[in-house]
PDB file of all heavy atoms in Angstrom:
ATOM      1  N   ILE A   1       4.947  -0.064   5.965  1.00  0.00           N
ATOM      2  CA  ILE A   1       6.258  -0.374   5.429  1.00  0.00           C
ATOM      3  C   ILE A   1       7.318   0.220   6.345  1.00  0.00           C
ATOM      4  O   ILE A   1       7.141   1.301   6.893  1.00  0.00           O
ATOM      5  CB  ILE A   1       6.394   0.152   3.978  1.00  0.00           C
ATOM      6  CG1 ILE A   1       7.668  -0.358   3.313  1.00  0.00           C
ATOM      7  CG2 ILE A   1       6.318   1.678   3.948  1.00  0.00           C
ATOM      8  CD1 ILE A   1       7.678  -0.108   1.799  1.00  0.00           C
ATOM      9  N   ASN A   2       8.417  -0.496   6.543  1.00  0.00           N
ATOM     10  CA  ASN A   2       9.466   0.019   7.408  1.00  0.00           C
ATOM     11  C   ASN A   2      10.316   1.039   6.666  1.00  0.00           C
ATOM     12  O   ASN A   2      10.119   1.298   5.477  1.00  0.00           O
ATOM     13  CB  ASN A   2      10.307  -1.130   7.981  1.00  0.00           C
ATOM     14  CG  ASN A   2      11.329  -1.675   6.994  1.00  0.00           C
ATOM     15  OD1 ASN A   2      11.111  -1.680   5.788  1.00  0.00           O
ATOM     16  ND2 ASN A   2      12.461  -2.137   7.511  1.00  0.00           N
ATOM     17  N   TRP A   3      11.277   1.612   7.377  1.00  0.00           N
ATOM     18  CA  TRP A   3      12.023   2.744   6.822  1.00  0.00           C
ATOM     19  C   TRP A   3      12.819   2.387   5.577  1.00  0.00           C
ATOM     20  O   TRP A   3      12.995   3.228   4.688  1.00  0.00           O
ATOM     21  CB  TRP A   3      12.944   3.342   7.895  1.00  0.00           C
ATOM     22  CG  TRP A   3      14.093   2.453   8.296  1.00  0.00           C
ATOM     23  CD1 TRP A   3      14.083   1.453   9.214  1.00  0.00           C
ATOM     24  CD2 TRP A   3      15.430   2.519   7.773  1.00  0.00           C
ATOM     25  NE1 TRP A   3      15.328   0.880   9.311  1.00  0.00           N
ATOM     26  CE2 TRP A   3      16.172   1.507   8.441  1.00  0.00           C
ATOM     27  CE3 TRP A   3      16.072   3.308   6.832  1.00  0.00           C
ATOM     28  CZ2 TRP A   3      17.526   1.281   8.173  1.00  0.00           C
ATOM     29  CZ3 TRP A   3      17.413   3.085   6.560  1.00  0.00           C
ATOM     30  CH2 TRP A   3      18.123   2.082   7.237  1.00  0.00           C
ATOM     31  N   ARG A   4      13.328   1.166   5.516  1.00  0.00           N
ATOM     32  CA  ARG A   4      14.140   0.761   4.380  1.00  0.00           C
ATOM     33  C   ARG A   4      13.287   0.225   3.229  1.00  0.00           C
ATOM     34  O   ARG A   4      13.710   0.284   2.067  1.00  0.00           O
ATOM     35  CB  ARG A   4      15.158  -0.283   4.824  1.00  0.00           C
ATOM     36  CG  ARG A   4      16.223  -0.600   3.799  1.00  0.00           C
ATOM     37  CD  ARG A   4      17.259  -1.538   4.377  1.00  0.00           C
ATOM     38  NE  ARG A   4      18.043  -0.899   5.426  1.00  0.00           N
ATOM     39  CZ  ARG A   4      18.939  -1.529   6.170  1.00  0.00           C
ATOM     40  NH1 ARG A   4      19.158  -2.818   6.000  1.00  0.00           N
ATOM     41  NH2 ARG A   4      19.603  -0.852   7.104  1.00  0.00           N
ATOM     42  N   GLY A   5      12.115  -0.313   3.546  1.00  0.00           N
ATOM     43  CA  GLY A   5      11.213  -0.803   2.527  1.00  0.00           C
ATOM     44  C   GLY A   5      11.186  -2.301   2.343  1.00  0.00           C
ATOM     45  O   GLY A   5      10.381  -2.804   1.547  1.00  0.00           O
ATOM     46  N   GLU A   6      12.028  -3.033   3.060  1.00  0.00           N
ATOM     47  CA  GLU A   6      12.089  -4.471   2.852  1.00  0.00           C
ATOM     48  C   GLU A   6      11.058  -5.241   3.676  1.00  0.00           C
ATOM     49  O   GLU A   6      10.841  -6.430   3.423  1.00  0.00           O
ATOM     50  CB  GLU A   6      13.502  -5.000   3.156  1.00  0.00           C
ATOM     51  CG  GLU A   6      13.802  -5.290   4.622  1.00  0.00           C
ATOM     52  CD  GLU A   6      14.258  -4.071   5.393  1.00  0.00           C
ATOM     53  OE1 GLU A   6      13.947  -2.937   4.975  1.00  0.00           O
ATOM     54  OE2 GLU A   6      14.947  -4.255   6.418  1.00  0.00           O
ATOM     55  N   LYS A   7      10.423  -4.576   4.646  1.00  0.00           N
ATOM     56  CA  LYS A   7       9.382  -5.201   5.444  1.00  0.00           C
ATOM     57  C   LYS A   7       8.065  -4.490   5.194  1.00  0.00           C
ATOM     58  O   LYS A   7       7.974  -3.267   5.319  1.00  0.00           O
ATOM     59  CB  LYS A   7       9.729  -5.161   6.932  1.00  0.00           C
ATOM     60  CG  LYS A   7      10.930  -6.019   7.304  1.00  0.00           C
ATOM     61  CD  LYS A   7      11.146  -6.037   8.796  1.00  0.00           C
ATOM     62  CE  LYS A   7      12.345  -6.897   9.169  1.00  0.00           C
ATOM     63  NZ  LYS A   7      12.113  -8.322   8.832  1.00  0.00           N
ATOM     64  N   THR A   8       7.049  -5.272   4.848  1.00  0.00           N
ATOM     65  CA  THR A   8       5.728  -4.718   4.577  1.00  0.00           C
ATOM     66  C   THR A   8       4.674  -5.459   5.376  1.00  0.00           C
ATOM     67  O   THR A   8       4.853  -6.618   5.751  1.00  0.00           O
ATOM     68  CB  THR A   8       5.391  -4.780   3.080  1.00  0.00           C
ATOM     69  OG1 THR A   8       5.470  -6.143   2.634  1.00  0.00           O
ATOM     70  CG2 THR A   8       6.353  -3.933   2.274  1.00  0.00           C
ATOM     71  N   TYR A   9       3.553  -4.783   5.621  1.00  0.00           N
ATOM     72  CA  TYR A   9       2.473  -5.311   6.438  1.00  0.00           C
ATOM     73  C   TYR A   9       1.150  -4.953   5.776  1.00  0.00           C
ATOM     74  O   TYR A   9       0.986  -3.845   5.267  1.00  0.00           O
ATOM     75  CB  TYR A   9       2.529  -4.716   7.854  1.00  0.00           C
ATOM     76  CG  TYR A   9       3.909  -4.746   8.474  1.00  0.00           C
ATOM     77  CD1 TYR A   9       4.795  -3.693   8.270  1.00  0.00           C
ATOM     78  CD2 TYR A   9       4.323  -5.818   9.250  1.00  0.00           C
ATOM     79  CE1 TYR A   9       6.064  -3.716   8.827  1.00  0.00           C
ATOM     80  CE2 TYR A   9       5.589  -5.845   9.810  1.00  0.00           C
ATOM     81  CZ  TYR A   9       6.458  -4.792   9.599  1.00  0.00           C
ATOM     82  OH  TYR A   9       7.717  -4.818  10.154  1.00  0.00           O
ATOM     83  N   TYR A  10       0.197  -5.889   5.808  1.00  0.00           N
ATOM     84  CA  TYR A  10      -1.069  -5.677   5.126  1.00  0.00           C
ATOM     85  C   TYR A  10      -2.241  -6.151   5.969  1.00  0.00           C
ATOM     86  O   TYR A  10      -2.145  -7.141   6.696  1.00  0.00           O
ATOM     87  CB  TYR A  10      -1.113  -6.437   3.796  1.00  0.00           C
ATOM     88  CG  TYR A  10      -0.084  -5.976   2.799  1.00  0.00           C
ATOM     89  CD1 TYR A  10       1.135  -6.634   2.679  1.00  0.00           C
ATOM     90  CD2 TYR A  10      -0.328  -4.881   1.980  1.00  0.00           C
ATOM     91  CE1 TYR A  10       2.081  -6.206   1.762  1.00  0.00           C
ATOM     92  CE2 TYR A  10       0.616  -4.454   1.067  1.00  0.00           C
ATOM     93  CZ  TYR A  10       1.820  -5.115   0.961  1.00  0.00           C
ATOM     94  OH  TYR A  10       2.757  -4.686   0.052  1.00  0.00           O
ATOM     95  N   ALA A  11      -3.344  -5.433   5.851  1.00  0.00           N
ATOM     96  CA  ALA A  11      -4.601  -5.925   6.390  1.00  0.00           C
ATOM     97  C   ALA A  11      -5.048  -7.141   5.599  1.00  0.00           C
ATOM     98  O   ALA A  11      -4.804  -7.239   4.394  1.00  0.00           O
ATOM     99  CB  ALA A  11      -5.670  -4.839   6.334  1.00  0.00           C
ATOM    100  N   ASP A  12      -5.700  -8.084   6.274  1.00  0.00           N
ATOM    101  CA  ASP A  12      -6.149  -9.293   5.596  1.00  0.00           C
ATOM    102  C   ASP A  12      -7.075  -8.980   4.417  1.00  0.00           C
ATOM    103  O   ASP A  12      -7.087  -9.706   3.421  1.00  0.00           O
ATOM    104  CB  ASP A  12      -6.865 -10.213   6.580  1.00  0.00           C
ATOM    105  CG  ASP A  12      -5.919 -10.862   7.571  1.00  0.00           C
ATOM    106  OD1 ASP A  12      -4.703 -10.888   7.311  1.00  0.00           O
ATOM    107  OD2 ASP A  12      -6.401 -11.360   8.606  1.00  0.00           O
ATOM    108  N   SER A  13      -7.828  -7.904   4.525  1.00  0.00           N
ATOM    109  CA  SER A  13      -8.799  -7.572   3.502  1.00  0.00           C
ATOM    110  C   SER A  13      -8.171  -7.144   2.182  1.00  0.00           C
ATOM    111  O   SER A  13      -8.840  -7.166   1.144  1.00  0.00           O
ATOM    112  CB  SER A  13      -9.737  -6.463   4.007  1.00  0.00           C
ATOM    113  OG  SER A  13      -9.001  -5.305   4.353  1.00  0.00           O
ATOM    114  N   VAL A  14      -6.892  -6.755   2.203  1.00  0.00           N
ATOM    115  CA  VAL A  14      -6.241  -6.272   0.984  1.00  0.00           C
ATOM    116  C   VAL A  14      -5.042  -7.105   0.582  1.00  0.00           C
ATOM    117  O   VAL A  14      -4.495  -6.904  -0.513  1.00  0.00           O
ATOM    118  CB  VAL A  14      -5.815  -4.796   1.118  1.00  0.00           C
ATOM    119  CG1 VAL A  14      -6.995  -3.930   1.532  1.00  0.00           C
ATOM    120  CG2 VAL A  14      -4.660  -4.649   2.104  1.00  0.00           C
ATOM    121  N   LYS A  15      -4.622  -8.036   1.420  1.00  0.00           N
ATOM    122  CA  LYS A  15      -3.440  -8.835   1.128  1.00  0.00           C
ATOM    123  C   LYS A  15      -3.633  -9.610  -0.176  1.00  0.00           C
ATOM    124  O   LYS A  15      -4.657 -10.241  -0.390  1.00  0.00           O
ATOM    125  CB  LYS A  15      -3.151  -9.784   2.280  1.00  0.00           C
ATOM    126  CG  LYS A  15      -1.785 -10.452   2.192  1.00  0.00           C
ATOM    127  CD  LYS A  15      -1.465 -11.229   3.464  1.00  0.00           C
ATOM    128  CE  LYS A  15      -0.062 -11.797   3.422  1.00  0.00           C
ATOM    129  NZ  LYS A  15       0.263 -12.522   4.676  1.00  0.00           N
ATOM    130  N   GLY A  16      -2.626  -9.546  -1.032  1.00  0.00           N
ATOM    131  CA  GLY A  16      -2.693 -10.193  -2.321  1.00  0.00           C
ATOM    132  C   GLY A  16      -3.220  -9.302  -3.423  1.00  0.00           C
ATOM    133  O   GLY A  16      -3.062  -9.634  -4.602  1.00  0.00           O
ATOM    134  N   ARG A  17      -3.843  -8.190  -3.055  1.00  0.00           N
ATOM    135  CA  ARG A  17      -4.377  -7.250  -4.035  1.00  0.00           C
ATOM    136  C   ARG A  17      -3.643  -5.909  -4.027  1.00  0.00           C
ATOM    137  O   ARG A  17      -3.471  -5.285  -5.075  1.00  0.00           O
ATOM    138  CB  ARG A  17      -5.868  -7.006  -3.787  1.00  0.00           C
ATOM    139  CG  ARG A  17      -6.725  -8.255  -3.885  1.00  0.00           C
ATOM    140  CD  ARG A  17      -8.211  -7.911  -3.811  1.00  0.00           C
ATOM    141  NE  ARG A  17      -8.573  -7.279  -2.542  1.00  0.00           N
ATOM    142  CZ  ARG A  17      -9.098  -6.057  -2.427  1.00  0.00           C
ATOM    143  NH1 ARG A  17      -9.338  -5.329  -3.508  1.00  0.00           N
ATOM    144  NH2 ARG A  17      -9.409  -5.570  -1.234  1.00  0.00           N
ATOM    145  N   PHE A  18      -3.241  -5.466  -2.847  1.00  0.00           N
ATOM    146  CA  PHE A  18      -2.560  -4.182  -2.703  1.00  0.00           C
ATOM    147  C   PHE A  18      -1.076  -4.405  -2.445  1.00  0.00           C
ATOM    148  O   PHE A  18      -0.673  -5.418  -1.863  1.00  0.00           O
ATOM    149  CB  PHE A  18      -3.133  -3.379  -1.533  1.00  0.00           C
ATOM    150  CG  PHE A  18      -4.537  -2.861  -1.732  1.00  0.00           C
ATOM    151  CD1 PHE A  18      -5.320  -3.276  -2.795  1.00  0.00           C
ATOM    152  CD2 PHE A  18      -5.067  -1.955  -0.834  1.00  0.00           C
ATOM    153  CE1 PHE A  18      -6.610  -2.805  -2.969  1.00  0.00           C
ATOM    154  CE2 PHE A  18      -6.356  -1.473  -0.993  1.00  0.00           C
ATOM    155  CZ  PHE A  18      -7.128  -1.893  -2.055  1.00  0.00           C
ATOM    156  N   SER A  19      -0.267  -3.438  -2.835  1.00  0.00           N
ATOM    157  CA  SER A  19       1.167  -3.495  -2.612  1.00  0.00           C
ATOM    158  C   SER A  19       1.683  -2.119  -2.203  1.00  0.00           C
ATOM    159  O   SER A  19       1.466  -1.140  -2.921  1.00  0.00           O
ATOM    160  CB  SER A  19       1.881  -3.980  -3.870  1.00  0.00           C
ATOM    161  OG  SER A  19       3.279  -4.028  -3.674  1.00  0.00           O
ATOM    162  N   ILE A  20       2.348  -2.055  -1.059  1.00  0.00           N
ATOM    163  CA  ILE A  20       2.921  -0.806  -0.580  1.00  0.00           C
ATOM    164  C   ILE A  20       4.409  -0.779  -0.933  1.00  0.00           C
ATOM    165  O   ILE A  20       5.097  -1.796  -0.868  1.00  0.00           O
ATOM    166  CB  ILE A  20       2.702  -0.632   0.945  1.00  0.00           C
ATOM    167  CG1 ILE A  20       3.139   0.756   1.408  1.00  0.00           C
ATOM    168  CG2 ILE A  20       3.414  -1.730   1.727  1.00  0.00           C
ATOM    169  CD1 ILE A  20       2.763   1.054   2.860  1.00  0.00           C
ATOM    170  N   SER A  21       4.890   0.388  -1.305  1.00  0.00           N
ATOM    171  CA  SER A  21       6.297   0.547  -1.632  1.00  0.00           C
ATOM    172  C   SER A  21       6.706   1.992  -1.373  1.00  0.00           C
ATOM    173  O   SER A  21       5.858   2.850  -1.096  1.00  0.00           O
ATOM    174  CB  SER A  21       6.582   0.156  -3.085  1.00  0.00           C
ATOM    175  OG  SER A  21       5.866   0.988  -3.988  1.00  0.00           O
ATOM    176  N   ARG A  22       7.998   2.251  -1.452  1.00  0.00           N
ATOM    177  CA  ARG A  22       8.475   3.614  -1.241  1.00  0.00           C
ATOM    178  C   ARG A  22       9.719   3.875  -2.063  1.00  0.00           C
ATOM    179  O   ARG A  22      10.472   2.955  -2.403  1.00  0.00           O
ATOM    180  CB  ARG A  22       8.759   3.864   0.253  1.00  0.00           C
ATOM    181  CG  ARG A  22       9.918   3.058   0.819  1.00  0.00           C
ATOM    182  CD  ARG A  22       9.970   3.156   2.343  1.00  0.00           C
ATOM    183  NE  ARG A  22      10.166   4.525   2.781  1.00  0.00           N
ATOM    184  CZ  ARG A  22       9.953   4.958   4.028  1.00  0.00           C
ATOM    185  NH1 ARG A  22       9.516   4.112   4.957  1.00  0.00           N
ATOM    186  NH2 ARG A  22      10.165   6.227   4.343  1.00  0.00           N
ATOM    187  N   ASP A  23       9.932   5.132  -2.379  1.00  0.00           N
ATOM    188  CA  ASP A  23      11.123   5.586  -3.069  1.00  0.00           C
ATOM    189  C   ASP A  23      11.700   6.708  -2.225  1.00  0.00           C
ATOM    190  O   ASP A  23      11.250   7.852  -2.305  1.00  0.00           O
ATOM    191  CB  ASP A  23      10.794   6.060  -4.482  1.00  0.00           C
ATOM    192  CG  ASP A  23      12.032   6.379  -5.293  1.00  0.00           C
ATOM    193  OD1 ASP A  23      13.099   6.627  -4.709  1.00  0.00           O
ATOM    194  OD2 ASP A  23      11.935   6.382  -6.541  1.00  0.00           O
ATOM    195  N   ASN A  24      12.675   6.376  -1.397  1.00  0.00           N
ATOM    196  CA  ASN A  24      13.220   7.361  -0.470  1.00  0.00           C
ATOM    197  C   ASN A  24      13.952   8.492  -1.190  1.00  0.00           C
ATOM    198  O   ASN A  24      14.003   9.614  -0.682  1.00  0.00           O
ATOM    199  CB  ASN A  24      14.150   6.683   0.532  1.00  0.00           C
ATOM    200  CG  ASN A  24      13.399   5.849   1.548  1.00  0.00           C
ATOM    201  OD1 ASN A  24      12.202   6.045   1.763  1.00  0.00           O
ATOM    202  ND2 ASN A  24      14.088   4.921   2.190  1.00  0.00           N
ATOM    203  N   ALA A  25      14.520   8.211  -2.350  1.00  0.00           N
ATOM    204  CA  ALA A  25      15.182   9.253  -3.118  1.00  0.00           C
ATOM    205  C   ALA A  25      14.201  10.313  -3.589  1.00  0.00           C
ATOM    206  O   ALA A  25      14.585  11.461  -3.818  1.00  0.00           O
ATOM    207  CB  ALA A  25      15.924   8.661  -4.306  1.00  0.00           C
ATOM    208  N   LYS A  26      12.929   9.939  -3.739  1.00  0.00           N
ATOM    209  CA  LYS A  26      11.886  10.862  -4.176  1.00  0.00           C
ATOM    210  C   LYS A  26      10.968  11.307  -3.050  1.00  0.00           C
ATOM    211  O   LYS A  26      10.010  12.040  -3.294  1.00  0.00           O
ATOM    212  CB  LYS A  26      11.051  10.236  -5.282  1.00  0.00           C
ATOM    213  CG  LYS A  26      11.826   9.928  -6.549  1.00  0.00           C
ATOM    214  CD  LYS A  26      10.925   9.321  -7.607  1.00  0.00           C
ATOM    215  CE  LYS A  26      11.687   9.047  -8.887  1.00  0.00           C
ATOM    216  NZ  LYS A  26      10.818   8.437  -9.931  1.00  0.00           N
ATOM    217  N   ASN A  27      11.247  10.859  -1.828  1.00  0.00           N
ATOM    218  CA  ASN A  27      10.395  11.181  -0.675  1.00  0.00           C
ATOM    219  C   ASN A  27       8.931  10.830  -0.948  1.00  0.00           C
ATOM    220  O   ASN A  27       8.022  11.603  -0.627  1.00  0.00           O
ATOM    221  CB  ASN A  27      10.514  12.659  -0.309  1.00  0.00           C
ATOM    222  CG  ASN A  27      11.695  12.955   0.591  1.00  0.00           C
ATOM    223  OD1 ASN A  27      12.607  12.139   0.730  1.00  0.00           O
ATOM    224  ND2 ASN A  27      11.691  14.134   1.202  1.00  0.00           N
ATOM    225  N   THR A  28       8.706   9.668  -1.526  1.00  0.00           N
ATOM    226  CA  THR A  28       7.362   9.298  -1.948  1.00  0.00           C
ATOM    227  C   THR A  28       7.009   7.882  -1.511  1.00  0.00           C
ATOM    228  O   THR A  28       7.829   6.962  -1.626  1.00  0.00           O
ATOM    229  CB  THR A  28       7.208   9.422  -3.468  1.00  0.00           C
ATOM    230  OG1 THR A  28       7.533  10.757  -3.871  1.00  0.00           O
ATOM    231  CG2 THR A  28       5.780   9.129  -3.886  1.00  0.00           C
ATOM    232  N   LEU A  29       5.793   7.731  -1.024  1.00  0.00           N
ATOM    233  CA  LEU A  29       5.203   6.457  -0.645  1.00  0.00           C
ATOM    234  C   LEU A  29       4.121   6.105  -1.657  1.00  0.00           C
ATOM    235  O   LEU A  29       3.408   6.991  -2.139  1.00  0.00           O
ATOM    236  CB  LEU A  29       4.601   6.564   0.760  1.00  0.00           C
ATOM    237  CG  LEU A  29       3.840   5.369   1.310  1.00  0.00           C
ATOM    238  CD1 LEU A  29       4.808   4.267   1.719  1.00  0.00           C
ATOM    239  CD2 LEU A  29       2.976   5.803   2.491  1.00  0.00           C
ATOM    240  N   TYR A  30       3.978   4.825  -1.966  1.00  0.00           N
ATOM    241  CA  TYR A  30       3.004   4.381  -2.960  1.00  0.00           C
ATOM    242  C   TYR A  30       2.102   3.292  -2.398  1.00  0.00           C
ATOM    243  O   TYR A  30       2.471   2.551  -1.500  1.00  0.00           O
ATOM    244  CB  TYR A  30       3.702   3.819  -4.202  1.00  0.00           C
ATOM    245  CG  TYR A  30       4.645   4.782  -4.871  1.00  0.00           C
ATOM    246  CD1 TYR A  30       6.015   4.709  -4.639  1.00  0.00           C
ATOM    247  CD2 TYR A  30       4.176   5.756  -5.738  1.00  0.00           C
ATOM    248  CE1 TYR A  30       6.892   5.585  -5.255  1.00  0.00           C
ATOM    249  CE2 TYR A  30       5.044   6.638  -6.357  1.00  0.00           C
ATOM    250  CZ  TYR A  30       6.396   6.547  -6.114  1.00  0.00           C
ATOM    251  OH  TYR A  30       7.264   7.420  -6.727  1.00  0.00           O
ATOM    252  N   LEU A  31       0.914   3.200  -2.976  1.00  0.00           N
ATOM    253  CA  LEU A  31       0.016   2.092  -2.726  1.00  0.00           C
ATOM    254  C   LEU A  31      -0.580   1.666  -4.059  1.00  0.00           C
ATOM    255  O   LEU A  31      -1.419   2.375  -4.619  1.00  0.00           O
ATOM    256  CB  LEU A  31      -1.096   2.466  -1.741  1.00  0.00           C
ATOM    257  CG  LEU A  31      -2.036   1.322  -1.349  1.00  0.00           C
ATOM    258  CD1 LEU A  31      -1.287   0.271  -0.536  1.00  0.00           C
ATOM    259  CD2 LEU A  31      -3.246   1.844  -0.582  1.00  0.00           C
ATOM    260  N   GLN A  32      -0.128   0.538  -4.568  1.00  0.00           N
ATOM    261  CA  GLN A  32      -0.677  -0.025  -5.789  1.00  0.00           C
ATOM    262  C   GLN A  32      -1.879  -0.884  -5.422  1.00  0.00           C
ATOM    263  O   GLN A  32      -1.754  -1.820  -4.637  1.00  0.00           O
ATOM    264  CB  GLN A  32       0.373  -0.865  -6.515  1.00  0.00           C
ATOM    265  CG  GLN A  32      -0.129  -1.532  -7.789  1.00  0.00           C
ATOM    266  CD  GLN A  32      -0.476  -0.547  -8.873  1.00  0.00           C
ATOM    267  OE1 GLN A  32       0.299   0.369  -9.154  1.00  0.00           O
ATOM    268  NE2 GLN A  32      -1.638  -0.708  -9.490  1.00  0.00           N
ATOM    269  N   MET A  33      -3.030  -0.571  -5.987  1.00  0.00           N
ATOM    270  CA  MET A  33      -4.272  -1.259  -5.670  1.00  0.00           C
ATOM    271  C   MET A  33      -4.790  -1.947  -6.924  1.00  0.00           C
ATOM    272  O   MET A  33      -5.126  -1.287  -7.905  1.00  0.00           O
ATOM    273  CB  MET A  33      -5.312  -0.284  -5.126  1.00  0.00           C
ATOM    274  CG  MET A  33      -4.834   0.522  -3.924  1.00  0.00           C
ATOM    275  SD  MET A  33      -6.132   1.575  -3.218  1.00  0.00           S
ATOM    276  CE  MET A  33      -6.405   2.693  -4.598  1.00  0.00           C
ATOM    277  N   ASN A  34      -4.852  -3.269  -6.881  1.00  0.00           N
ATOM    278  CA  ASN A  34      -5.344  -4.069  -7.987  1.00  0.00           C
ATOM    279  C   ASN A  34      -6.596  -4.825  -7.575  1.00  0.00           C
ATOM    280  O   ASN A  34      -6.887  -4.971  -6.392  1.00  0.00           O
ATOM    281  CB  ASN A  34      -4.275  -5.060  -8.454  1.00  0.00           C
ATOM    282  CG  ASN A  34      -3.017  -4.398  -8.942  1.00  0.00           C
ATOM    283  OD1 ASN A  34      -3.060  -3.350  -9.583  1.00  0.00           O
ATOM    284  ND2 ASN A  34      -1.868  -5.021  -8.653  1.00  0.00           N
ATOM    285  N   SER A  35      -7.325  -5.318  -8.566  1.00  0.00           N
ATOM    286  CA  SER A  35      -8.546  -6.092  -8.317  1.00  0.00           C
ATOM    287  C   SER A  35      -9.460  -5.386  -7.333  1.00  0.00           C
ATOM    288  O   SER A  35      -9.957  -5.975  -6.377  1.00  0.00           O
ATOM    289  CB  SER A  35      -8.188  -7.493  -7.813  1.00  0.00           C
ATOM    290  OG  SER A  35      -7.372  -8.180  -8.740  1.00  0.00           O
ATOM    291  N   LEU A  36      -9.699  -4.126  -7.579  1.00  0.00           N
ATOM    292  CA  LEU A  36     -10.472  -3.308  -6.651  1.00  0.00           C
ATOM    293  C   LEU A  36     -11.914  -3.783  -6.549  1.00  0.00           C
ATOM    294  O   LEU A  36     -12.501  -4.224  -7.533  1.00  0.00           O
ATOM    295  CB  LEU A  36     -10.422  -1.848  -7.067  1.00  0.00           C
ATOM    296  CG  LEU A  36      -9.111  -1.141  -6.714  1.00  0.00           C
ATOM    297  CD1 LEU A  36      -8.959   0.144  -7.516  1.00  0.00           C
ATOM    298  CD2 LEU A  36      -9.068  -0.841  -5.218  1.00  0.00           C
ATOM    299  N   LYS A  37     -12.458  -3.662  -5.341  1.00  0.00           N
ATOM    300  CA  LYS A  37     -13.813  -4.062  -5.034  1.00  0.00           C
ATOM    301  C   LYS A  37     -14.594  -2.852  -4.534  1.00  0.00           C
ATOM    302  O   LYS A  37     -14.005  -1.915  -4.003  1.00  0.00           O
ATOM    303  CB  LYS A  37     -13.826  -5.149  -3.958  1.00  0.00           C
ATOM    304  CG  LYS A  37     -12.987  -6.372  -4.282  1.00  0.00           C
ATOM    305  CD  LYS A  37     -12.954  -7.323  -3.093  1.00  0.00           C
ATOM    306  CE  LYS A  37     -12.109  -8.539  -3.398  1.00  0.00           C
ATOM    307  NZ  LYS A  37     -12.056  -9.468  -2.237  1.00  0.00           N
ATOM    308  N   PRO A  38     -15.917  -2.868  -4.669  1.00  0.00           N
ATOM    309  CA  PRO A  38     -16.704  -1.747  -4.140  1.00  0.00           C
ATOM    310  C   PRO A  38     -16.440  -1.468  -2.662  1.00  0.00           C
ATOM    311  O   PRO A  38     -16.479  -0.304  -2.251  1.00  0.00           O
ATOM    312  CB  PRO A  38     -18.149  -2.196  -4.381  1.00  0.00           C
ATOM    313  CG  PRO A  38     -18.061  -3.072  -5.584  1.00  0.00           C
ATOM    314  CD  PRO A  38     -16.755  -3.813  -5.432  1.00  0.00           C
ATOM    315  N   GLU A  39     -16.161  -2.493  -1.876  1.00  0.00           N
ATOM    316  CA  GLU A  39     -15.888  -2.294  -0.465  1.00  0.00           C
ATOM    317  C   GLU A  39     -14.555  -1.606  -0.190  1.00  0.00           C
ATOM    318  O   GLU A  39     -14.258  -1.266   0.956  1.00  0.00           O
ATOM    319  CB  GLU A  39     -15.957  -3.621   0.308  1.00  0.00           C
ATOM    320  CG  GLU A  39     -15.132  -4.730  -0.317  1.00  0.00           C
ATOM    321  CD  GLU A  39     -15.965  -5.670  -1.176  1.00  0.00           C
ATOM    322  OE1 GLU A  39     -16.783  -5.178  -1.978  1.00  0.00           O
ATOM    323  OE2 GLU A  39     -15.799  -6.904  -1.036  1.00  0.00           O
ATOM    324  N   ASP A  40     -13.740  -1.398  -1.218  1.00  0.00           N
ATOM    325  CA  ASP A  40     -12.512  -0.622  -1.078  1.00  0.00           C
ATOM    326  C   ASP A  40     -12.771   0.879  -1.128  1.00  0.00           C
ATOM    327  O   ASP A  40     -11.850   1.667  -0.899  1.00  0.00           O
ATOM    328  CB  ASP A  40     -11.506  -0.990  -2.170  1.00  0.00           C
ATOM    329  CG  ASP A  40     -11.013  -2.422  -2.063  1.00  0.00           C
ATOM    330  OD1 ASP A  40     -10.768  -2.890  -0.935  1.00  0.00           O
ATOM    331  OD2 ASP A  40     -10.856  -3.077  -3.118  1.00  0.00           O
ATOM    332  N   THR A  41     -13.989   1.270  -1.446  1.00  0.00           N
ATOM    333  CA  THR A  41     -14.337   2.684  -1.526  1.00  0.00           C
ATOM    334  C   THR A  41     -14.120   3.357  -0.177  1.00  0.00           C
ATOM    335  O   THR A  41     -14.668   2.923   0.839  1.00  0.00           O
ATOM    336  CB  THR A  41     -15.788   2.857  -1.975  1.00  0.00           C
ATOM    337  OG1 THR A  41     -15.934   2.360  -3.308  1.00  0.00           O
ATOM    338  CG2 THR A  41     -16.195   4.322  -1.946  1.00  0.00           C
ATOM    339  N   ALA A  42     -13.315   4.410  -0.156  1.00  0.00           N
ATOM    340  CA  ALA A  42     -12.974   5.105   1.086  1.00  0.00           C
ATOM    341  C   ALA A  42     -12.066   6.280   0.766  1.00  0.00           C
ATOM    342  O   ALA A  42     -11.575   6.421  -0.353  1.00  0.00           O
ATOM    343  CB  ALA A  42     -12.272   4.155   2.063  1.00  0.00           C
ATOM    344  N   VAL A  43     -11.848   7.108   1.780  1.00  0.00           N
ATOM    345  CA  VAL A  43     -10.803   8.113   1.725  1.00  0.00           C
ATOM    346  C   VAL A  43      -9.524   7.477   2.239  1.00  0.00           C
ATOM    347  O   VAL A  43      -9.496   6.953   3.354  1.00  0.00           O
ATOM    348  CB  VAL A  43     -11.161   9.361   2.551  1.00  0.00           C
ATOM    349  CG1 VAL A  43      -9.987  10.335   2.588  1.00  0.00           C
ATOM    350  CG2 VAL A  43     -12.390  10.048   1.973  1.00  0.00           C
ATOM    351  N   TYR A  44      -8.474   7.529   1.455  1.00  0.00           N
ATOM    352  CA  TYR A  44      -7.204   6.912   1.802  1.00  0.00           C
ATOM    353  C   TYR A  44      -6.213   7.982   2.245  1.00  0.00           C
ATOM    354  O   TYR A  44      -6.003   8.975   1.549  1.00  0.00           O
ATOM    355  CB  TYR A  44      -6.632   6.144   0.610  1.00  0.00           C
ATOM    356  CG  TYR A  44      -7.334   4.835   0.348  1.00  0.00           C
ATOM    357  CD1 TYR A  44      -8.622   4.813  -0.157  1.00  0.00           C
ATOM    358  CD2 TYR A  44      -6.708   3.618   0.623  1.00  0.00           C
ATOM    359  CE1 TYR A  44      -9.279   3.614  -0.387  1.00  0.00           C
ATOM    360  CE2 TYR A  44      -7.358   2.414   0.393  1.00  0.00           C
ATOM    361  CZ  TYR A  44      -8.640   2.416  -0.108  1.00  0.00           C
ATOM    362  OH  TYR A  44      -9.285   1.215  -0.343  1.00  0.00           O
ATOM    363  N   CYS A  45      -5.598   7.766   3.408  1.00  0.00           N
ATOM    364  CA  CYS A  45      -4.627   8.691   3.965  1.00  0.00           C
ATOM    365  C   CYS A  45      -3.298   7.989   4.209  1.00  0.00           C
ATOM    366  O   CYS A  45      -3.277   6.830   4.627  1.00  0.00           O
ATOM    367  CB  CYS A  45      -5.116   9.275   5.295  1.00  0.00           C
ATOM    368  SG  CYS A  45      -6.584  10.307   5.176  1.00  0.00           S
ATOM    369  N   CYS A  46      -2.218   8.696   3.966  1.00  0.00           N
ATOM    370  CA  CYS A  46      -0.919   8.193   4.386  1.00  0.00           C
ATOM    371  C   CYS A  46      -0.562   8.822   5.726  1.00  0.00           C
ATOM    372  O   CYS A  46      -1.062   9.883   6.089  1.00  0.00           O
ATOM    373  CB  CYS A  46       0.170   8.485   3.342  1.00  0.00           C
ATOM    374  SG  CYS A  46       0.471  10.228   3.004  1.00  0.00           S
TER     375      CYS A  46
END
């Protein structure tokens, strides 16, 4: 996600299921993950 949040980029494997967003007032980045699959199992880092 870019600094302002209006541009987002996704790997093909998660597009349509995951959503990245940010709240700059809270200094926080988010990753909403829906329709999770066993192959999504991993350690996730920002």
